[in-house]
Amino acid sequence: MTIGGSIALIIIGAVLAYAVNYDLSGIDIRLVGVILMIGGLIGLIIGIVRIASARRATRRPAARVREEYYEDDYEPRHRGY
């Protein structure tokens, strides 16, 4: 679940828990809203932890140095031109 999806669940749950005043037989709308808010909060925490751990694990690779040696490397490079 992404962070945006988690925030959407929290918002929908809050609307159901606090703003909707409708009775359905067998379903408690406020309880459904609270469950959605808790699920969104858990998803938000997991998403933030995943992003933080991915940023810590990413490191820049060390600079690679490639040295090539040829037979005439032992001669001076500056020939005085």
Foldseek 3Di string as FASTA:
>chain_A
DALVVLVVLLVVLCCQQPPDDDDDPPDDSNVSSVVSNVVSVVVNVVNVVVVVVVVVPDDDDDDDDDDDDDPPPVPDPCPPD
